[in-house]
């Protein structure tokens, strides 16, 4: 097994085990055994468990945001509301345990600054994506609407994880629709924008 293949196996194994049970509950020996990667090859790929955790979170960030964006772009509905449709699908998947970034921040954020920063980066990227979507709307303050939507997304994820309620995404979708409908609109008169 070459280094790239070993790194992929380790990341796949780490993602499954860390998300299912938590980062601290999974030891190095279990990661090696479950992945089939030797100790020597493990350390050729990742110098430490901390480095593996960081790589796992960065890969999950890229994949999660890409899956969300792909769903939204495929959707025939309003893009902002399609975000909540994707959440509903995700919440219903077997093994759903909430946000990997909040989970890792809760476990390690106080003692692992790199993990805390990756979690913050993920949340900033999600906010930025929501901002991109709200900028497509005819609203006066897309940034404020994006912040409100982010809170709905986070609340839906937490509710679904803690209470086992996939329908939390539907409730958040309804609230998001109300926010979009109630958002002040820009009116253009000549060359002047009036709010």
N, C-alpha and C. Protein backbone atom coordinates (compact mmCIF):
# COMPACT_ATOMS: atom_id res chain seq x y z
N UNK A 1 0.86 -1.18 0.00
CA UNK A 1 0.00 0.00 0.00
C UNK A 1 0.91 1.24 0.00
N UNK A 2 0.71 2.11 -1.01
CA UNK A 2 1.54 3.31 -1.07
C UNK A 2 1.05 4.36 -0.06
N UNK A 3 1.83 5.42 0.04
CA UNK A 3 1.54 6.43 1.07
C UNK A 3 0.18 7.09 0.87
N UNK A 4 -0.16 7.45 -0.37
CA UNK A 4 -1.45 8.11 -0.62
C UNK A 4 -2.62 7.19 -0.28
N UNK A 5 -2.50 5.93 -0.68
CA UNK A 5 -3.56 4.96 -0.37
C UNK A 5 -3.68 4.77 1.14
N UNK A 6 -2.56 4.69 1.83
CA UNK A 6 -2.58 4.54 3.29
C UNK A 6 -3.20 5.77 3.95
N UNK A 7 -2.84 6.95 3.47
CA UNK A 7 -3.42 8.18 4.05
C UNK A 7 -4.92 8.21 3.84
N UNK A 8 -5.39 7.82 2.65
CA UNK A 8 -6.84 7.78 2.40
C UNK A 8 -7.53 6.78 3.31
N UNK A 9 -6.93 5.60 3.49
CA UNK A 9 -7.53 4.59 4.38
C UNK A 9 -7.59 5.11 5.81
N UNK A 10 -6.53 5.75 6.25
CA UNK A 10 -6.52 6.31 7.60
C UNK A 10 -7.57 7.40 7.76
N UNK A 11 -7.69 8.26 6.77
CA UNK A 11 -8.70 9.33 6.84
C UNK A 11 -10.11 8.76 6.81
N UNK A 12 -10.35 7.77 5.96
CA UNK A 12 -11.67 7.13 5.92
C UNK A 12 -12.01 6.50 7.26
N UNK A 13 -11.05 5.79 7.83
CA UNK A 13 -11.25 5.14 9.12
C UNK A 13 -11.45 6.16 10.22
N UNK A 14 -10.62 7.19 10.22
CA UNK A 14 -10.74 8.24 11.24
C UNK A 14 -12.10 8.91 11.14
N UNK A 15 -12.54 9.21 9.93
CA UNK A 15 -13.83 9.88 9.77
C UNK A 15 -14.96 9.03 10.34
N UNK A 16 -14.95 7.76 10.01
CA UNK A 16 -16.01 6.87 10.51
C UNK A 16 -15.98 6.76 12.03
N UNK A 17 -14.81 6.48 12.58
CA UNK A 17 -14.71 6.26 14.03
C UNK A 17 -14.83 7.54 14.84
N UNK A 18 -14.17 8.60 14.42
CA UNK A 18 -14.24 9.86 15.16
C UNK A 18 -15.66 10.40 15.18
N UNK A 19 -16.34 10.33 14.04
CA UNK A 19 -17.71 10.86 13.98
C UNK A 19 -18.67 10.00 14.80
N UNK A 20 -18.49 8.69 14.73
CA UNK A 20 -19.38 7.78 15.46
C UNK A 20 -19.18 7.83 16.96
N UNK A 21 -17.91 7.87 17.41
CA UNK A 21 -17.64 7.70 18.84
C UNK A 21 -16.96 8.88 19.52
N UNK A 22 -16.40 9.77 18.74
CA UNK A 22 -15.66 10.88 19.32
C UNK A 22 -14.17 10.67 19.14
N UNK A 23 -13.44 11.75 19.08
CA UNK A 23 -12.01 11.69 18.81
C UNK A 23 -11.24 11.05 19.95
N UNK A 24 -11.53 11.46 21.17
CA UNK A 24 -10.77 10.95 22.31
C UNK A 24 -11.06 9.48 22.60
N UNK A 25 -12.20 8.98 22.18
CA UNK A 25 -12.57 7.59 22.44
C UNK A 25 -11.86 6.61 21.52
N UNK A 26 -11.21 7.11 20.49
CA UNK A 26 -10.57 6.25 19.49
C UNK A 26 -9.06 6.38 19.62
N UNK A 27 -8.42 5.26 19.92
CA UNK A 27 -6.97 5.26 20.09
C UNK A 27 -6.22 4.95 18.80
N UNK A 28 -4.94 5.18 18.86
CA UNK A 28 -4.08 4.94 17.70
C UNK A 28 -4.08 3.47 17.28
N UNK A 29 -4.04 2.57 18.24
CA UNK A 29 -4.03 1.14 17.91
C UNK A 29 -5.30 0.76 17.16
N UNK A 30 -6.43 1.28 17.60
CA UNK A 30 -7.70 0.98 16.93
C UNK A 30 -7.71 1.56 15.51
N UNK A 31 -7.19 2.75 15.34
CA UNK A 31 -7.11 3.35 14.01
C UNK A 31 -6.25 2.50 13.07
N UNK A 32 -5.11 2.04 13.58
CA UNK A 32 -4.22 1.21 12.76
C UNK A 32 -4.89 -0.11 12.40
N UNK A 33 -5.49 -0.76 13.39
CA UNK A 33 -6.13 -2.06 13.15
C UNK A 33 -7.29 -1.93 12.17
N UNK A 34 -8.16 -0.97 12.41
CA UNK A 34 -9.34 -0.81 11.56
C UNK A 34 -8.99 -0.40 10.13
N UNK A 35 -7.91 0.34 9.97
CA UNK A 35 -7.51 0.79 8.64
C UNK A 35 -6.64 -0.22 7.91
N UNK A 36 -5.99 -1.10 8.67
CA UNK A 36 -5.06 -2.04 8.07
C UNK A 36 -3.73 -1.41 7.68
N UNK A 37 -3.44 -0.26 8.26
CA UNK A 37 -2.20 0.46 7.96
C UNK A 37 -1.19 0.19 9.07
N UNK A 38 0.02 -0.17 8.70
CA UNK A 38 1.05 -0.47 9.69
C UNK A 38 1.44 0.80 10.47
N UNK A 39 2.03 0.57 11.64
CA UNK A 39 2.47 1.70 12.47
C UNK A 39 3.47 2.57 11.71
N UNK A 40 4.42 1.94 11.04
CA UNK A 40 5.43 2.70 10.30
C UNK A 40 4.78 3.57 9.22
N UNK A 41 3.87 2.98 8.45
CA UNK A 41 3.20 3.72 7.37
C UNK A 41 2.31 4.82 7.96
N UNK A 42 1.66 4.52 9.09
CA UNK A 42 0.83 5.53 9.76
C UNK A 42 1.64 6.79 10.00
N UNK A 43 2.81 6.62 10.60
CA UNK A 43 3.62 7.79 10.95
C UNK A 43 4.30 8.42 9.73
N UNK A 44 4.38 7.70 8.63
CA UNK A 44 4.84 8.31 7.39
C UNK A 44 3.77 9.24 6.82
N UNK A 45 2.52 8.90 7.10
CA UNK A 45 1.39 9.69 6.60
C UNK A 45 1.05 10.86 7.53
N UNK A 46 1.03 10.57 8.81
CA UNK A 46 0.64 11.56 9.82
C UNK A 46 1.60 11.45 10.99
N UNK A 47 2.23 12.55 11.36
CA UNK A 47 3.23 12.53 12.42
C UNK A 47 2.63 12.27 13.79
N UNK A 48 1.32 12.50 13.93
CA UNK A 48 0.68 12.34 15.23
C UNK A 48 -0.83 12.18 15.04
N UNK A 49 -1.50 11.79 16.09
CA UNK A 49 -2.96 11.73 16.04
C UNK A 49 -3.52 13.13 15.82
N UNK A 50 -2.91 14.12 16.42
CA UNK A 50 -3.36 15.51 16.23
C UNK A 50 -3.35 15.89 14.75
N UNK A 51 -2.29 15.51 14.06
CA UNK A 51 -2.20 15.81 12.63
C UNK A 51 -3.29 15.08 11.84
N UNK A 52 -3.58 13.84 12.23
CA UNK A 52 -4.66 13.08 11.59
C UNK A 52 -6.01 13.74 11.85
N UNK A 53 -6.24 14.18 13.08
CA UNK A 53 -7.50 14.86 13.43
C UNK A 53 -7.68 16.11 12.56
N UNK A 54 -6.64 16.89 12.44
CA UNK A 54 -6.71 18.11 11.63
C UNK A 54 -7.00 17.79 10.17
N UNK A 55 -6.34 16.76 9.64
CA UNK A 55 -6.57 16.37 8.24
C UNK A 55 -7.99 15.85 8.05
N UNK A 56 -8.48 15.07 9.01
CA UNK A 56 -9.86 14.58 8.96
C UNK A 56 -10.85 15.74 8.92
N UNK A 57 -10.67 16.72 9.79
CA UNK A 57 -11.60 17.85 9.84
C UNK A 57 -11.53 18.69 8.56
N UNK A 58 -10.35 18.90 8.05
CA UNK A 58 -10.22 19.70 6.81
C UNK A 58 -10.88 18.98 5.63
N UNK A 59 -10.68 17.67 5.55
CA UNK A 59 -11.31 16.92 4.47
C UNK A 59 -12.82 16.91 4.63
N UNK A 60 -13.29 16.73 5.85
CA UNK A 60 -14.74 16.72 6.08
C UNK A 60 -15.34 18.08 5.74
N UNK A 61 -14.66 19.15 6.08
CA UNK A 61 -15.11 20.50 5.75
C UNK A 61 -15.31 20.63 4.24
N UNK A 62 -14.31 20.26 3.48
CA UNK A 62 -14.39 20.39 2.03
C UNK A 62 -15.52 19.54 1.46
N UNK A 63 -15.63 18.32 1.92
CA UNK A 63 -16.66 17.42 1.41
C UNK A 63 -18.06 17.87 1.80
N UNK A 64 -18.22 18.29 3.06
CA UNK A 64 -19.55 18.67 3.55
C UNK A 64 -20.05 19.91 2.81
N UNK A 65 -19.21 20.91 2.68
CA UNK A 65 -19.62 22.13 1.99
C UNK A 65 -19.87 21.87 0.50
N UNK A 66 -19.06 21.01 -0.11
CA UNK A 66 -19.26 20.68 -1.53
C UNK A 66 -20.58 19.94 -1.73
N UNK A 67 -20.91 19.02 -0.83
CA UNK A 67 -22.17 18.29 -0.94
C UNK A 67 -23.36 19.23 -0.77
N UNK A 68 -23.25 20.16 0.16
CA UNK A 68 -24.32 21.13 0.36
C UNK A 68 -24.50 21.99 -0.90
N UNK A 69 -23.42 22.51 -1.41
CA UNK A 69 -23.49 23.37 -2.60
C UNK A 69 -24.03 22.60 -3.81
N UNK A 70 -23.63 21.35 -3.97
CA UNK A 70 -24.12 20.55 -5.09
C UNK A 70 -25.62 20.33 -4.97
N UNK A 71 -26.09 20.05 -3.77
CA UNK A 71 -27.53 19.86 -3.56
C UNK A 71 -28.29 21.15 -3.88
N UNK A 72 -27.79 22.25 -3.38
CA UNK A 72 -28.46 23.54 -3.60
C UNK A 72 -28.52 23.85 -5.09
N UNK A 73 -27.43 23.63 -5.80
CA UNK A 73 -27.40 23.96 -7.22
C UNK A 73 -28.31 23.04 -8.03
N UNK A 74 -28.48 21.79 -7.60
CA UNK A 74 -29.38 20.85 -8.29
C UNK A 74 -30.84 21.16 -8.02
N UNK A 75 -31.09 21.82 -6.92
CA UNK A 75 -32.46 22.05 -6.48
C UNK A 75 -33.18 23.03 -7.40
N UNK A 76 -34.44 22.74 -7.64
CA UNK A 76 -35.24 23.67 -8.42
C UNK A 76 -35.88 24.74 -7.56
N UNK A 77 -35.76 24.59 -6.25
CA UNK A 77 -36.38 25.54 -5.33
C UNK A 77 -35.44 26.69 -5.03
N UNK A 78 -35.95 27.60 -4.23
CA UNK A 78 -35.12 28.73 -3.81
C UNK A 78 -33.87 28.19 -3.12
N UNK A 79 -32.69 28.63 -3.52
CA UNK A 79 -31.45 28.08 -2.97
C UNK A 79 -31.36 28.14 -1.44
N UNK A 80 -31.80 29.23 -0.84
CA UNK A 80 -31.73 29.34 0.62
C UNK A 80 -32.52 28.21 1.27
N UNK A 81 -33.70 27.94 0.77
CA UNK A 81 -34.53 26.89 1.37
C UNK A 81 -34.00 25.50 1.06
N UNK A 82 -33.31 25.35 -0.07
CA UNK A 82 -32.71 24.07 -0.42
C UNK A 82 -31.65 23.65 0.60
N UNK A 83 -31.02 24.62 1.26
CA UNK A 83 -30.06 24.30 2.32
C UNK A 83 -30.74 23.45 3.39
N UNK A 84 -31.94 23.81 3.76
CA UNK A 84 -32.66 23.11 4.82
C UNK A 84 -33.19 21.76 4.34
N UNK A 85 -33.46 21.65 3.04
CA UNK A 85 -33.84 20.35 2.48
C UNK A 85 -32.66 19.39 2.56
N UNK A 86 -31.46 19.88 2.28
CA UNK A 86 -30.26 19.03 2.40
C UNK A 86 -30.03 18.62 3.85
N UNK A 87 -30.26 19.55 4.77
CA UNK A 87 -30.12 19.20 6.19
C UNK A 87 -31.09 18.09 6.56
N UNK A 88 -32.32 18.17 6.07
CA UNK A 88 -33.32 17.14 6.38
C UNK A 88 -32.84 15.77 5.89
N UNK A 89 -32.29 15.71 4.70
CA UNK A 89 -31.74 14.45 4.19
C UNK A 89 -30.63 13.95 5.09
N UNK A 90 -29.71 14.84 5.44
CA UNK A 90 -28.56 14.47 6.26
C UNK A 90 -29.01 13.98 7.63
N UNK A 91 -29.96 14.66 8.23
CA UNK A 91 -30.43 14.27 9.56
C UNK A 91 -31.03 12.87 9.56
N UNK A 92 -31.57 12.43 8.43
CA UNK A 92 -32.18 11.11 8.33
C UNK A 92 -31.20 10.00 8.00
N UNK A 93 -29.95 10.35 7.73
CA UNK A 93 -28.96 9.32 7.39
C UNK A 93 -28.61 8.49 8.62
N UNK A 94 -28.38 7.17 8.42
CA UNK A 94 -27.97 6.33 9.55
C UNK A 94 -26.66 6.86 10.15
N UNK A 95 -26.57 6.87 11.44
CA UNK A 95 -25.35 7.30 12.11
C UNK A 95 -25.19 8.80 12.27
N UNK A 96 -26.23 9.58 11.93
CA UNK A 96 -26.13 11.03 12.10
C UNK A 96 -25.87 11.35 13.57
N UNK A 97 -24.82 12.16 13.82
CA UNK A 97 -24.45 12.54 15.18
C UNK A 97 -24.23 14.04 15.32
N UNK A 98 -24.83 14.82 14.46
CA UNK A 98 -24.67 16.26 14.56
C UNK A 98 -23.46 16.75 13.80
N UNK A 99 -23.03 17.93 14.15
CA UNK A 99 -21.94 18.61 13.46
C UNK A 99 -20.59 18.10 13.97
N UNK A 100 -19.80 17.55 13.07
CA UNK A 100 -18.48 17.04 13.44
C UNK A 100 -17.59 18.15 13.99
N UNK A 101 -17.83 19.37 13.54
CA UNK A 101 -16.98 20.49 13.97
C UNK A 101 -17.36 20.95 15.37
N UNK A 102 -18.64 21.00 15.66
CA UNK A 102 -19.06 21.32 17.03
C UNK A 102 -18.67 20.19 17.98
N UNK A 103 -18.82 18.95 17.52
CA UNK A 103 -18.43 17.82 18.36
C UNK A 103 -16.94 17.88 18.68
N UNK A 104 -16.11 18.13 17.67
CA UNK A 104 -14.67 18.17 17.91
C UNK A 104 -14.28 19.39 18.73
N UNK A 105 -14.96 20.51 18.51
CA UNK A 105 -14.70 21.70 19.31
C UNK A 105 -15.04 21.43 20.78
N UNK A 106 -16.16 20.76 21.01
CA UNK A 106 -16.55 20.43 22.38
C UNK A 106 -15.56 19.50 23.05
N UNK A 107 -15.03 18.57 22.30
CA UNK A 107 -14.06 17.62 22.85
C UNK A 107 -12.69 18.24 23.05
N UNK A 108 -12.22 18.98 22.06
CA UNK A 108 -10.81 19.38 22.04
C UNK A 108 -10.55 20.87 21.91
N UNK A 109 -11.60 21.65 21.68
CA UNK A 109 -11.41 23.07 21.40
C UNK A 109 -10.64 23.83 22.46
N UNK A 110 -10.80 23.42 23.72
CA UNK A 110 -10.11 24.11 24.80
C UNK A 110 -8.65 23.74 24.94
N UNK A 111 -8.26 22.61 24.37
CA UNK A 111 -6.87 22.14 24.54
C UNK A 111 -6.13 21.99 23.21
N UNK A 112 -6.84 22.11 22.11
CA UNK A 112 -6.22 21.96 20.79
C UNK A 112 -6.59 23.17 19.93
N UNK A 113 -5.78 24.22 19.99
CA UNK A 113 -6.10 25.43 19.23
C UNK A 113 -6.32 25.20 17.74
N UNK A 114 -5.61 24.25 17.16
CA UNK A 114 -5.78 23.99 15.72
C UNK A 114 -7.17 23.44 15.44
N UNK A 115 -7.67 22.57 16.30
CA UNK A 115 -9.03 22.03 16.14
C UNK A 115 -10.05 23.15 16.29
N UNK A 116 -9.87 24.00 17.28
CA UNK A 116 -10.79 25.12 17.48
C UNK A 116 -10.79 26.03 16.25
N UNK A 117 -9.63 26.28 15.69
CA UNK A 117 -9.56 27.16 14.51
C UNK A 117 -10.20 26.51 13.29
N UNK A 118 -10.01 25.21 13.10
CA UNK A 118 -10.65 24.53 11.97
C UNK A 118 -12.17 24.59 12.11
N UNK A 119 -12.67 24.41 13.32
CA UNK A 119 -14.11 24.51 13.55
C UNK A 119 -14.60 25.91 13.22
N UNK A 120 -13.87 26.92 13.64
CA UNK A 120 -14.25 28.31 13.34
C UNK A 120 -14.21 28.57 11.83
N UNK A 121 -13.18 28.06 11.18
CA UNK A 121 -13.07 28.23 9.73
C UNK A 121 -14.26 27.60 9.01
N UNK A 122 -14.68 26.42 9.48
CA UNK A 122 -15.84 25.75 8.86
C UNK A 122 -17.09 26.61 9.02
N UNK A 123 -17.29 27.14 10.21
CA UNK A 123 -18.48 27.96 10.44
C UNK A 123 -18.43 29.26 9.64
N UNK A 124 -17.23 29.84 9.49
CA UNK A 124 -17.09 31.04 8.65
C UNK A 124 -17.40 30.71 7.19
N UNK A 125 -16.91 29.56 6.74
CA UNK A 125 -17.16 29.16 5.35
C UNK A 125 -18.65 28.91 5.11
N UNK A 126 -19.31 28.32 6.09
CA UNK A 126 -20.75 28.10 5.96
C UNK A 126 -21.48 29.44 5.93
N UNK A 127 -21.09 30.36 6.80
CA UNK A 127 -21.68 31.70 6.78
C UNK A 127 -21.45 32.36 5.43
N UNK A 128 -20.23 32.27 4.92
CA UNK A 128 -19.91 32.90 3.63
C UNK A 128 -20.76 32.30 2.51
N UNK A 129 -20.98 30.99 2.57
CA UNK A 129 -21.82 30.35 1.55
C UNK A 129 -23.26 30.85 1.66
N UNK A 130 -23.77 30.93 2.87
CA UNK A 130 -25.12 31.46 3.06
C UNK A 130 -25.19 32.91 2.57
N UNK A 131 -24.14 33.65 2.79
CA UNK A 131 -24.08 35.03 2.32
C UNK A 131 -24.16 35.07 0.79
N UNK A 132 -23.44 34.17 0.13
CA UNK A 132 -23.52 34.10 -1.33
C UNK A 132 -24.96 33.86 -1.78
N UNK A 133 -25.65 32.97 -1.07
CA UNK A 133 -27.04 32.66 -1.44
C UNK A 133 -27.95 33.85 -1.19
N UNK A 134 -27.76 34.55 -0.07
CA UNK A 134 -28.64 35.68 0.24
C UNK A 134 -28.37 36.86 -0.69
N UNK A 135 -27.15 36.96 -1.21
CA UNK A 135 -26.85 38.03 -2.16
C UNK A 135 -27.59 37.84 -3.48
N UNK A 136 -28.08 36.65 -3.74
CA UNK A 136 -28.88 36.41 -4.95
C UNK A 136 -30.31 36.93 -4.78
N UNK A 137 -30.68 37.21 -3.54
CA UNK A 137 -32.04 37.67 -3.25
C UNK A 137 -32.10 39.19 -3.32
N UNK A 138 -33.28 39.70 -3.46
CA UNK A 138 -33.49 41.14 -3.47
C UNK A 138 -33.76 41.61 -2.04
N UNK A 139 -32.70 41.56 -1.21
CA UNK A 139 -32.85 41.99 0.19
C UNK A 139 -31.86 43.11 0.48
N UNK A 140 -32.23 43.96 1.41
CA UNK A 140 -31.41 45.13 1.74
C UNK A 140 -30.11 44.76 2.44
N UNK A 141 -30.14 43.72 3.27
CA UNK A 141 -28.96 43.38 4.07
C UNK A 141 -28.71 41.87 4.02
N UNK A 142 -28.08 41.40 2.94
CA UNK A 142 -27.84 39.97 2.81
C UNK A 142 -26.94 39.40 3.92
N UNK A 143 -26.04 40.21 4.45
CA UNK A 143 -25.17 39.75 5.53
C UNK A 143 -25.95 39.42 6.79
N UNK A 144 -26.86 40.29 7.14
CA UNK A 144 -27.68 40.06 8.33
C UNK A 144 -28.56 38.83 8.14
N UNK A 145 -29.16 38.69 6.97
CA UNK A 145 -29.99 37.52 6.70
C UNK A 145 -29.15 36.25 6.75
N UNK A 146 -27.93 36.29 6.25
CA UNK A 146 -27.04 35.12 6.31
C UNK A 146 -26.74 34.74 7.75
N UNK A 147 -26.51 35.72 8.62
CA UNK A 147 -26.27 35.44 10.04
C UNK A 147 -27.48 34.77 10.67
N UNK A 148 -28.66 35.27 10.36
CA UNK A 148 -29.89 34.68 10.91
C UNK A 148 -30.08 33.25 10.41
N UNK A 149 -29.80 33.03 9.14
CA UNK A 149 -29.93 31.69 8.58
C UNK A 149 -28.92 30.73 9.19
N UNK A 150 -27.70 31.22 9.45
CA UNK A 150 -26.69 30.37 10.08
C UNK A 150 -27.16 29.91 11.45
N UNK A 151 -27.78 30.80 12.20
CA UNK A 151 -28.30 30.42 13.51
C UNK A 151 -29.39 29.35 13.36
N UNK A 152 -30.24 29.48 12.36
CA UNK A 152 -31.25 28.44 12.11
C UNK A 152 -30.61 27.11 11.73
N UNK A 153 -29.60 27.15 10.89
CA UNK A 153 -28.89 25.93 10.50
C UNK A 153 -28.29 25.26 11.73
N UNK A 154 -27.56 26.05 12.54
CA UNK A 154 -26.91 25.49 13.73
C UNK A 154 -27.93 24.94 14.72
N UNK A 155 -29.02 25.66 14.91
CA UNK A 155 -30.06 25.20 15.82
C UNK A 155 -30.71 23.92 15.34
N UNK A 156 -30.94 23.82 14.04
CA UNK A 156 -31.54 22.60 13.49
C UNK A 156 -30.60 21.41 13.67
N UNK A 157 -29.31 21.62 13.42
CA UNK A 157 -28.34 20.53 13.58
C UNK A 157 -28.30 20.07 15.03
N UNK A 158 -28.23 21.01 15.95
CA UNK A 158 -28.18 20.65 17.38
C UNK A 158 -29.45 19.93 17.81
N UNK A 159 -30.60 20.43 17.38
CA UNK A 159 -31.87 19.80 17.75
C UNK A 159 -31.96 18.39 17.18
N UNK A 160 -31.59 18.23 15.92
CA UNK A 160 -31.64 16.90 15.30
C UNK A 160 -30.71 15.93 16.01
N UNK A 161 -29.52 16.39 16.38
CA UNK A 161 -28.55 15.50 17.02
C UNK A 161 -28.98 15.13 18.44
N UNK A 162 -29.38 16.10 19.22
CA UNK A 162 -29.70 15.85 20.63
C UNK A 162 -31.03 15.13 20.79
N UNK A 163 -32.01 15.53 20.00
CA UNK A 163 -33.36 14.98 20.16
C UNK A 163 -33.70 13.91 19.13
N UNK A 164 -32.80 13.65 18.19
CA UNK A 164 -33.07 12.65 17.16
C UNK A 164 -34.23 13.03 16.26
N UNK A 165 -34.34 14.31 15.94
CA UNK A 165 -35.48 14.81 15.17
C UNK A 165 -35.03 15.35 13.81
N UNK A 166 -35.19 14.54 12.78
CA UNK A 166 -34.88 15.00 11.43
C UNK A 166 -35.80 16.13 11.01
N UNK A 167 -36.99 16.18 11.60
CA UNK A 167 -37.95 17.23 11.24
C UNK A 167 -37.51 18.61 11.72
N UNK A 168 -36.45 18.69 12.50
CA UNK A 168 -35.92 20.00 12.91
C UNK A 168 -35.55 20.82 11.68
N UNK A 169 -35.11 20.16 10.63
CA UNK A 169 -34.77 20.88 9.40
C UNK A 169 -36.01 21.48 8.76
N UNK A 170 -37.13 20.79 8.86
CA UNK A 170 -38.38 21.32 8.28
C UNK A 170 -38.84 22.56 9.06
N UNK A 171 -38.75 22.50 10.38
CA UNK A 171 -39.12 23.66 11.20
C UNK A 171 -38.21 24.84 10.89
N UNK A 172 -36.91 24.57 10.78
CA UNK A 172 -35.95 25.64 10.46
C UNK A 172 -36.20 26.18 9.05
N UNK A 173 -36.60 25.32 8.13
CA UNK A 173 -36.91 25.76 6.76
C UNK A 173 -38.08 26.74 6.78
N UNK A 174 -39.11 26.42 7.55
CA UNK A 174 -40.26 27.33 7.66
C UNK A 174 -39.84 28.68 8.23
N UNK A 175 -39.00 28.64 9.26
CA UNK A 175 -38.52 29.89 9.85
C UNK A 175 -37.66 30.66 8.85
N UNK A 176 -36.85 29.95 8.08
CA UNK A 176 -36.02 30.60 7.06
C UNK A 176 -36.89 31.27 6.00
N UNK A 177 -37.94 30.59 5.58
CA UNK A 177 -38.85 31.18 4.59
C UNK A 177 -39.48 32.45 5.13
N UNK A 178 -39.86 32.42 6.41
CA UNK A 178 -40.44 33.62 7.03
C UNK A 178 -39.42 34.75 7.09
N UNK A 179 -38.18 34.43 7.42
CA UNK A 179 -37.13 35.46 7.46
C UNK A 179 -36.90 36.07 6.08
N UNK A 180 -36.83 35.23 5.07
CA UNK A 180 -36.62 35.73 3.71
C UNK A 180 -37.79 36.62 3.29
N UNK A 181 -39.00 36.16 3.57
CA UNK A 181 -40.19 36.96 3.20
C UNK A 181 -40.24 38.29 3.93
N UNK A 182 -39.78 38.30 5.19
CA UNK A 182 -39.86 39.51 6.02
C UNK A 182 -38.66 40.45 5.84
N UNK A 183 -37.62 39.97 5.18
CA UNK A 183 -36.41 40.80 5.03
C UNK A 183 -36.72 42.06 4.23
N UNK A 184 -36.25 43.21 4.72
CA UNK A 184 -36.45 44.46 3.96
C UNK A 184 -35.85 44.33 2.56
N UNK A 185 -36.54 44.86 1.59
CA UNK A 185 -36.12 44.79 0.19
C UNK A 185 -35.48 46.09 -0.24
N UNK A 186 -34.59 45.97 -1.21
CA UNK A 186 -34.01 47.16 -1.84
C UNK A 186 -34.97 47.63 -2.92
N UNK A 187 -35.13 48.92 -2.99
CA UNK A 187 -35.92 49.49 -4.08
C UNK A 187 -35.02 50.45 -4.84
N UNK A 188 -34.95 50.28 -6.13
CA UNK A 188 -34.10 51.13 -6.95
C UNK A 188 -34.98 52.15 -7.66
N UNK A 189 -34.68 53.43 -7.43
CA UNK A 189 -35.37 54.53 -8.11
C UNK A 189 -34.29 55.34 -8.81
N UNK A 190 -34.26 55.29 -10.12
CA UNK A 190 -33.19 55.96 -10.84
C UNK A 190 -31.86 55.34 -10.46
N UNK A 191 -30.90 56.20 -10.09
CA UNK A 191 -29.58 55.71 -9.70
C UNK A 191 -29.43 55.62 -8.20
N UNK A 192 -30.50 55.86 -7.45
CA UNK A 192 -30.43 55.87 -5.99
C UNK A 192 -31.10 54.63 -5.42
N UNK A 193 -30.45 54.01 -4.47
CA UNK A 193 -31.05 52.86 -3.80
C UNK A 193 -31.70 53.36 -2.53
N UNK A 194 -32.98 53.06 -2.37
CA UNK A 194 -33.71 53.46 -1.17
C UNK A 194 -34.05 52.21 -0.36
N UNK A 195 -33.97 52.34 0.95
CA UNK A 195 -34.30 51.21 1.82
C UNK A 195 -35.59 51.49 2.53
